[in-house]
Amino acid sequence: MASPVVAQRPAETPARPGRRRRRPGIGGRDHLVGWLLIAPAMAYFIIFLLYPALAALYYSFTEWDLHSAPIWVGLQNYTDLFFDDVKYPHFWKSIQVTLQYTLVAVPLTLVTALAQALLINTIRRGSNLFRLLLFLPVVTAEAAVGAIWRWLYDPQYGLVNAVLGLVGIPRQNWLNTPELVIPALAFIAAWQCGISMIIYLAGLKSIPESIREAAVIDGAGPVQRFFKVTVPMLRPTTFYLVVTGIIAALQVFGLVYVIFSGGGNRSVTGGPEQSGLAYVLHIYLYAFRYNAMGAACAMSFVLLVFIMIITFVQFKFMKQEVS
């Protein structure tokens, strides 16, 4: 009886003496190419972001007027901001104005952006043209936007009052009436909702058509489909836009600066009764008009901590998943 053939393992080739297998190390060619590719981004981050942030953190503990050497004062800037109403009379007013603007501008912007996205999503031909036209306010320079809207809100010749007059609403002095300043600024923010509109439009495109067809078969009308299908499916998009919108609204500066502090008028700081004194505008005034850079740096870090807290609360309690 023949014995079974046993498969033999091939003999391993002995390694040649004096040669080692190359391991991918941090000094390899691929890693060198990788470091070279990310070097510009790292240089930008370190020079223009990290170093200024660390320098501002240091200066927030000093008294510095941009002309003489900074003097270390510890936490004095922070305590004065919160408790010295004589030294910083408009600090809490700027916080109040910024919060009011955020509460009005963010919902109005999201509603306007969603309405525009829904309209564009229903257009079969020429949607790219409407998308471009609605996105133009975003890429327009803030100086031009501020100048245009100052004319549009003009109490005598402004287009806004002319349109309101057609429906019997009396003329309003939008930018000189404290109660109307925040709504006027929020309306401009809603007019510049092009980025949110594009993101909402992408969210609408991602909703499966089968879900809408199933809702139609079940007898759901347009309103029911909107609230039962569209809105829940857009929840992750809405969450993202709420978070980024609040962060942007808390840092609003360019528009209020052009409207209330532009034109070389150094007596104007934040509109009538400081009703347009946004927080970042308040920081700018103390840094470059009142030469209190130490206090301005302290204000900036107070804003940073507040934004971090608000963002944490949103991630903690707002629903992000599609139900």
Protein backbone atom coordinates (compact mmCIF):
# COMPACT_ATOMS: atom_id res chain seq x y z
CA MET A 1 0.00 0.00 0.00
CA ALA A 2 1.45 3.31 -1.06
CA SER A 3 2.12 5.76 1.71
CA PRO A 4 0.21 9.07 1.52
CA VAL A 5 2.05 12.04 0.16
CA VAL A 6 2.66 14.63 2.82
CA ALA A 7 2.81 18.23 1.63
CA GLN A 8 5.99 19.89 2.64
CA ARG A 9 6.27 23.54 3.53
CA PRO A 10 8.71 25.41 1.37
CA ALA A 11 11.89 26.23 3.10
CA GLU A 12 12.15 29.86 4.14
CA THR A 13 14.80 31.82 2.33
CA PRO A 14 17.36 32.91 4.87
CA ALA A 15 17.73 36.63 5.19
CA ARG A 16 20.88 38.00 3.74
CA PRO A 17 23.29 39.22 6.34
CA GLY A 18 23.79 42.95 6.52
CA ARG A 19 20.34 43.86 4.99
CA ARG A 20 17.27 44.80 6.98
CA ARG A 21 13.69 45.13 5.86
CA ARG A 22 12.68 48.76 5.46
CA ARG A 23 9.97 49.88 7.79
CA PRO A 24 7.86 52.91 7.06
CA GLY A 25 9.23 55.46 9.44
CA ILE A 26 8.67 59.13 10.09
CA GLY A 27 11.74 59.88 8.03
CA GLY A 28 10.58 57.93 4.99
CA ARG A 29 10.05 59.54 1.65
CA ASP A 30 6.25 59.22 1.81
CA HIS A 31 6.15 60.86 5.20
CA LEU A 32 8.41 63.65 4.01
CA VAL A 33 6.08 64.34 1.09
CA GLY A 34 3.13 64.31 3.49
CA TRP A 35 4.75 66.81 5.83
CA LEU A 36 5.61 69.06 2.89
CA LEU A 37 2.00 69.00 1.71
CA ILE A 38 0.55 70.00 5.07
CA ALA A 39 3.33 72.47 5.87
CA PRO A 40 1.50 75.54 4.41
CA ALA A 41 -1.65 74.76 6.40
CA MET A 42 0.35 74.20 9.57
CA ALA A 43 2.29 77.41 9.03
CA TYR A 44 -0.96 79.34 8.55
CA PHE A 45 -2.45 77.78 11.69
CA ILE A 46 0.58 78.50 13.85
CA ILE A 47 1.35 82.02 12.58
CA PHE A 48 -2.12 83.46 12.05
CA LEU A 49 -4.28 81.47 14.50
CA LEU A 50 -2.39 79.80 17.33
CA TYR A 51 0.18 82.51 18.05
CA PRO A 52 -2.35 85.42 17.99
CA ALA A 53 -4.69 83.44 20.26
CA LEU A 54 -1.95 82.74 22.79
CA ALA A 55 -0.75 86.34 22.61
CA ALA A 56 -4.30 87.61 23.16
CA LEU A 57 -4.64 85.30 26.16
CA TYR A 58 -1.51 86.82 27.66
CA TYR A 59 -2.55 90.39 26.94
CA SER A 60 -5.97 89.76 28.52
CA PHE A 61 -4.14 89.68 31.87
CA THR A 62 -2.37 92.97 31.21
CA GLU A 63 -3.11 96.65 30.87
CA TRP A 64 -1.91 97.61 27.41
CA ASP A 65 -2.62 100.71 25.32
CA LEU A 66 -0.73 99.59 22.13
CA HIS A 67 1.89 102.31 22.69
CA SER A 68 3.68 101.39 25.91
CA ALA A 69 4.79 98.08 27.36
CA PRO A 70 1.99 95.90 28.77
CA ILE A 71 1.60 95.87 32.58
CA TRP A 72 0.55 92.62 34.23
CA VAL A 73 -2.69 93.06 36.21
CA GLY A 74 -3.85 89.45 36.56
CA LEU A 75 -7.63 88.98 36.63
CA GLN A 76 -8.32 92.70 37.05
CA ASN A 77 -9.63 93.10 33.48
CA TYR A 78 -12.13 90.28 33.92
CA THR A 79 -13.40 91.49 37.29
CA ASP A 80 -13.78 95.05 35.99
CA LEU A 81 -15.73 93.84 32.97
CA PHE A 82 -18.32 92.08 35.09
CA PHE A 83 -18.54 94.42 38.08
CA ASP A 84 -17.28 97.92 37.17
CA ASP A 85 -20.15 99.69 35.41
CA VAL A 86 -18.30 102.99 35.48
CA LYS A 87 -15.22 101.75 33.65
CA TYR A 88 -17.19 99.63 31.17
CA PRO A 89 -20.68 101.13 31.05
CA HIS A 90 -21.83 99.33 27.90
CA PHE A 91 -20.44 95.83 28.48
CA TRP A 92 -23.72 94.26 29.60
CA LYS A 93 -25.62 96.32 27.05
CA SER A 94 -23.52 94.83 24.25
CA ILE A 95 -24.24 91.33 25.55
CA GLN A 96 -27.97 92.10 25.66
CA VAL A 97 -27.95 93.49 22.11
CA THR A 98 -26.02 90.50 20.77
CA LEU A 99 -28.35 87.98 22.42
CA GLN A 100 -31.42 89.79 21.12
CA TYR A 101 -29.96 89.88 17.64
CA THR A 102 -29.14 86.16 17.80
CA LEU A 103 -32.62 85.20 18.99
CA VAL A 104 -34.22 87.13 16.13
CA ALA A 105 -31.72 86.69 13.29
CA VAL A 106 -31.04 82.95 13.52
CA PRO A 107 -34.68 81.72 13.32
CA LEU A 108 -35.54 84.30 10.66
CA THR A 109 -32.51 83.28 8.59
CA LEU A 110 -33.32 79.56 8.83
CA VAL A 111 -36.96 80.07 7.88
CA THR A 112 -36.01 82.25 4.92
CA ALA A 113 -33.32 79.80 3.78
CA LEU A 114 -35.68 76.82 4.00
CA ALA A 115 -38.39 78.68 2.07
CA GLN A 116 -35.93 79.58 -0.68
CA ALA A 117 -34.61 76.02 -0.83
CA LEU A 118 -38.13 74.62 -1.13
CA LEU A 119 -38.94 77.02 -3.96
CA ILE A 120 -35.75 76.25 -5.87
CA ASN A 121 -36.27 72.53 -5.35
CA THR A 122 -39.59 72.74 -7.18
CA ILE A 123 -38.19 74.63 -10.17
CA ARG A 124 -37.46 72.39 -13.13
CA ARG A 125 -35.71 74.84 -15.44
CA GLY A 126 -33.53 77.80 -14.51
CA SER A 127 -32.88 76.66 -10.93
CA ASN A 128 -29.15 77.42 -11.27
CA LEU A 129 -29.91 81.03 -12.18
CA PHE A 130 -32.16 81.54 -9.14
CA ARG A 131 -29.59 79.82 -6.95
CA LEU A 132 -26.93 82.24 -8.19
CA LEU A 133 -29.13 85.30 -7.66
CA LEU A 134 -30.04 84.25 -4.12
CA PHE A 135 -26.40 83.55 -3.29
CA LEU A 136 -25.08 86.93 -4.48
CA PRO A 137 -25.75 88.73 -1.15
CA VAL A 138 -23.34 86.33 0.54
CA VAL A 139 -20.38 87.18 -1.68
CA THR A 140 -21.11 90.93 -1.70
CA ALA A 141 -18.70 92.98 0.40
CA GLU A 142 -20.11 93.92 3.80
CA ALA A 143 -19.21 97.57 3.22
CA ALA A 144 -21.38 97.57 0.11
CA VAL A 145 -24.16 95.69 1.91
CA GLY A 146 -24.16 98.19 4.76
CA ALA A 147 -24.20 101.18 2.40
CA ILE A 148 -27.05 99.72 0.34
CA TRP A 149 -29.20 98.92 3.35
CA ARG A 150 -28.61 102.32 4.90
CA TRP A 151 -30.18 103.75 1.77
CA LEU A 152 -32.97 101.13 1.72
CA TYR A 153 -33.84 101.99 5.34
CA ASP A 154 -33.75 105.73 4.73
CA PRO A 155 -36.88 107.21 6.37
CA GLN A 156 -37.58 109.61 3.48
CA TYR A 157 -36.36 107.94 0.29
CA GLY A 158 -35.78 104.33 1.27
CA LEU A 159 -37.30 101.53 -0.76
CA VAL A 160 -38.43 99.64 2.36
CA ASN A 161 -40.67 102.48 3.49
CA ALA A 162 -41.93 102.94 -0.06
CA VAL A 163 -43.05 99.30 -0.20
CA LEU A 164 -44.64 99.51 3.25
CA GLY A 165 -46.48 102.65 2.17
CA LEU A 166 -48.18 100.65 -0.61
CA VAL A 167 -49.94 98.53 2.01
CA GLY A 168 -50.81 101.44 4.29
CA ILE A 169 -47.99 101.08 6.83
CA PRO A 170 -46.53 104.45 7.88
CA ARG A 171 -42.89 105.27 7.29
CA GLN A 172 -40.46 104.07 9.95
CA ASN A 173 -37.09 105.44 10.99
CA TRP A 174 -35.52 102.01 11.12
CA LEU A 175 -31.94 102.79 12.09
CA ASN A 176 -32.73 105.64 14.48
CA THR A 177 -35.48 103.97 16.51
CA PRO A 178 -34.07 101.73 19.26
CA GLU A 179 -36.93 99.23 19.08
CA LEU A 180 -36.48 98.74 15.30
CA VAL A 181 -32.70 98.39 15.10
CA ILE A 182 -32.54 94.68 15.96
CA PRO A 183 -35.35 93.69 13.53
CA ALA A 184 -33.70 95.77 10.81
CA LEU A 185 -30.35 94.03 11.31
CA ALA A 186 -32.00 90.61 11.50
CA PHE A 187 -33.77 91.23 8.21
CA ILE A 188 -30.42 91.94 6.56
CA ALA A 189 -29.06 88.69 7.99
CA ALA A 190 -32.04 86.81 6.52
CA TRP A 191 -31.38 88.48 3.18
CA GLN A 192 -27.86 87.01 3.31
CA CYS A 193 -29.03 83.43 3.90
CA GLY A 194 -27.50 82.05 0.71
CA ILE A 195 -25.17 79.57 2.43
CA SER A 196 -27.97 78.17 4.59
CA MET A 197 -30.18 77.97 1.50
CA ILE A 198 -27.58 75.90 -0.38
CA ILE A 199 -27.14 73.54 2.58
CA TYR A 200 -30.91 73.13 2.96
CA LEU A 201 -31.19 72.48 -0.78
CA ALA A 202 -28.59 69.71 -0.48
CA GLY A 203 -30.57 68.26 2.41
CA LEU A 204 -33.76 68.27 0.34
CA LYS A 205 -31.99 66.51 -2.52
CA SER A 206 -30.85 63.77 -0.14
CA ILE A 207 -34.37 62.85 1.00
CA PRO A 208 -35.31 59.58 -0.73
CA GLU A 209 -38.15 59.98 -3.19
CA SER A 210 -39.63 56.70 -2.00
CA ILE A 211 -40.46 58.26 1.37
CA ARG A 212 -42.42 61.05 -0.28
CA GLU A 213 -44.21 58.58 -2.54
CA ALA A 214 -45.13 56.45 0.45
CA ALA A 215 -46.56 59.51 2.20
CA VAL A 216 -48.62 60.38 -0.89
CA ILE A 217 -49.96 56.82 -1.07
CA ASP A 218 -50.94 57.04 2.61
CA GLY A 219 -52.99 60.16 1.80
CA ALA A 220 -50.73 62.82 3.29
CA GLY A 221 -51.27 66.30 1.90
CA PRO A 222 -48.55 68.89 1.16
CA VAL A 223 -48.67 70.35 4.68
CA GLN A 224 -48.55 66.93 6.31
CA ARG A 225 -45.67 65.84 4.07
CA PHE A 226 -43.76 68.97 5.02
CA PHE A 227 -44.12 68.55 8.78
CA LYS A 228 -44.06 64.74 8.92
CA VAL A 229 -41.46 63.98 6.24
CA THR A 230 -39.42 67.02 5.18
CA VAL A 231 -38.83 68.65 8.56
CA PRO A 232 -37.80 65.41 10.38
CA MET A 233 -35.52 64.36 7.52
CA LEU A 234 -33.84 67.77 7.62
CA ARG A 235 -33.17 67.60 11.36
CA PRO A 236 -29.38 66.97 11.05
CA THR A 237 -29.12 69.84 8.54
CA THR A 238 -31.13 72.15 10.79
CA PHE A 239 -28.98 71.24 13.79
CA TYR A 240 -25.81 72.10 11.89
CA LEU A 241 -27.23 75.41 10.69
CA VAL A 242 -28.47 76.33 14.16
CA VAL A 243 -25.05 75.72 15.71
CA THR A 244 -23.11 77.60 13.02
CA GLY A 245 -25.76 80.33 12.79
CA ILE A 246 -25.62 81.08 16.52
CA ILE A 247 -21.82 81.19 16.46
CA ALA A 248 -21.89 83.60 13.50
CA ALA A 249 -24.60 85.79 15.05
CA LEU A 250 -22.68 86.11 18.32
CA GLN A 251 -19.70 87.41 16.31
CA VAL A 252 -21.55 89.85 14.05
CA PHE A 253 -19.38 92.89 13.40
CA GLY A 254 -18.93 94.11 9.84
CA LEU A 255 -22.55 95.03 9.18
CA VAL A 256 -23.12 96.94 12.42
CA TYR A 257 -19.78 98.68 12.06
CA VAL A 258 -20.59 99.96 8.58
CA ILE A 259 -24.11 101.05 9.54
CA PHE A 260 -23.43 102.63 12.93
CA SER A 261 -19.71 103.42 13.04
CA GLY A 262 -18.78 104.02 9.43
CA GLY A 263 -18.32 107.17 7.48
CA GLY A 264 -15.63 108.52 9.82
CA ASN A 265 -18.20 109.52 12.44
CA ARG A 266 -16.31 108.79 15.63
CA SER A 267 -19.22 109.90 17.84
CA VAL A 268 -21.40 107.02 16.69
CA THR A 269 -20.68 103.78 18.50
CA GLY A 270 -23.76 101.60 18.38
CA GLY A 271 -26.80 103.39 17.09
CA PRO A 272 -29.49 105.18 19.10
CA GLU A 273 -29.21 104.39 22.82
CA GLN A 274 -26.54 101.79 21.92
CA SER A 275 -29.31 99.60 20.50
CA GLY A 276 -26.97 98.30 17.78
CA LEU A 277 -23.86 97.88 19.89
CA ALA A 278 -22.93 94.29 19.08
CA TYR A 279 -20.42 92.56 21.35
CA VAL A 280 -17.62 92.32 18.77
CA LEU A 281 -18.14 95.98 17.85
CA HIS A 282 -17.73 96.74 21.55
CA ILE A 283 -14.44 94.79 21.51
CA TYR A 284 -13.26 96.71 18.45
CA LEU A 285 -14.03 100.08 20.00
CA TYR A 286 -12.04 99.34 23.15
CA ALA A 287 -9.14 97.86 21.21
CA PHE A 288 -8.65 100.47 18.48
CA ARG A 289 -10.59 103.55 19.53
CA TYR A 290 -10.12 103.66 23.30
CA ASN A 291 -6.64 102.01 23.21
CA ALA A 292 -7.55 99.41 25.85
CA MET A 293 -6.21 96.31 24.14
CA GLY A 294 -5.87 94.35 27.37
CA ALA A 295 -9.56 94.77 28.17
CA ALA A 296 -10.49 93.98 24.57
CA CYS A 297 -8.55 90.71 24.72
CA ALA A 298 -10.34 89.83 27.94
CA MET A 299 -13.68 90.51 26.24
CA SER A 300 -12.72 88.24 23.37
CA PHE A 301 -12.01 85.32 25.71
CA VAL A 302 -15.26 85.90 27.54
CA LEU A 303 -16.96 85.54 24.16
CA LEU A 304 -14.95 82.38 23.43
CA VAL A 305 -16.04 80.73 26.69
CA PHE A 306 -19.66 81.76 26.11
CA ILE A 307 -19.66 80.30 22.58
CA MET A 308 -18.18 77.06 23.88
CA ILE A 309 -20.88 76.79 26.56
CA ILE A 310 -23.68 77.52 24.09
CA THR A 311 -22.31 74.96 21.62
CA PHE A 312 -21.97 72.32 24.35
CA VAL A 313 -25.57 72.89 25.45
CA GLN A 314 -26.79 72.53 21.87
CA PHE A 315 -24.92 69.25 21.35
CA LYS A 316 -26.18 68.00 24.71
CA PHE A 317 -29.89 68.75 24.43
CA MET A 318 -30.80 69.25 20.76
CA LYS A 319 -31.86 66.26 18.68
CA GLN A 320 -29.53 65.56 15.78
CA GLU A 321 -30.74 62.22 14.43
CA VAL A 322 -33.62 61.63 12.07
CA SER A 323 -36.57 60.28 14.02
